[in-house]
Amino acid sequence: MPVRERHNEFQNFEKSREWESMFKPKLRKLATMLWSMERNPRRHITVHENQLKLSI
């Protein structure tokens, strides 16, 4: 697929607002996790790798 076509496809996807419903919950979850790690570092010394992976 040519780059231009891919770019247009991405722009359409962006406009569709579908990406918000897909990514916002994941970003919020990650942000909350990082915030709680900052608040109590001792509790979160061992963060499991799979917790940090965003399954997209």
Protein backbone atom coordinates (compact mmCIF):
# COMPACT_ATOMS: atom_id res chain seq x y z
CA MET A 1 0.00 0.00 0.00
CA PRO A 2 1.47 3.38 -0.97
CA VAL A 3 2.37 5.74 1.84
CA ARG A 4 -0.14 8.36 0.72
CA GLU A 5 -3.00 5.85 0.88
CA ARG A 6 -1.94 4.71 4.31
CA HIS A 7 -1.76 8.29 5.50
CA ASN A 8 -5.27 8.99 4.22
CA GLU A 9 -6.52 5.85 5.90
CA PHE A 10 -5.00 7.00 9.18
CA GLN A 11 -6.55 10.45 8.83
CA ASN A 12 -9.96 8.91 8.25
CA PHE A 13 -9.47 6.69 11.28
CA GLU A 14 -8.44 9.72 13.34
CA LYS A 15 -11.49 11.69 12.24
CA SER A 16 -13.81 8.81 13.02
CA ARG A 17 -13.14 9.23 16.77
CA GLU A 18 -12.92 5.46 16.94
CA TRP A 19 -9.35 5.78 18.18
CA GLU A 20 -10.52 7.66 21.27
CA SER A 21 -12.68 4.79 22.46
CA MET A 22 -9.85 2.36 21.72
CA PHE A 23 -6.92 4.15 23.29
CA LYS A 24 -8.26 6.45 25.99
CA PRO A 25 -9.20 3.68 28.46
CA LYS A 26 -5.76 2.09 28.01
CA LEU A 27 -3.96 5.39 28.45
CA ARG A 28 -6.02 6.18 31.52
CA LYS A 29 -5.23 2.78 33.03
CA LEU A 30 -1.52 3.22 32.38
CA ALA A 31 -1.53 6.76 33.76
CA THR A 32 -3.32 5.61 36.91
CA MET A 33 -0.81 2.81 37.38
CA LEU A 34 2.17 5.13 36.96
CA TRP A 35 0.61 7.66 39.33
CA SER A 36 0.08 5.03 42.03
CA MET A 37 3.66 3.80 41.56
CA GLU A 38 4.88 7.34 42.14
CA ARG A 39 2.73 7.67 45.25
CA ASN A 40 3.88 4.43 46.90
CA PRO A 41 7.14 3.32 45.32
CA ARG A 42 7.76 0.49 47.84
CA ARG A 43 4.55 -1.27 46.92
CA HIS A 44 5.37 -1.21 43.23
CA ILE A 45 9.04 -2.08 43.15
CA THR A 46 8.23 -5.21 41.19
CA VAL A 47 5.94 -4.22 38.36
CA HIS A 48 5.11 -7.19 36.23
CA GLU A 49 6.07 -6.82 32.60
CA ASN A 50 2.64 -7.82 31.39
CA GLN A 51 1.07 -4.97 33.37
CA LEU A 52 3.04 -2.47 31.33
CA LYS A 53 2.22 -4.08 28.00
CA LEU A 54 -0.68 -2.40 26.27
CA SER A 55 -2.58 -5.09 24.47
CA ILE A 56 -3.74 -3.20 21.42
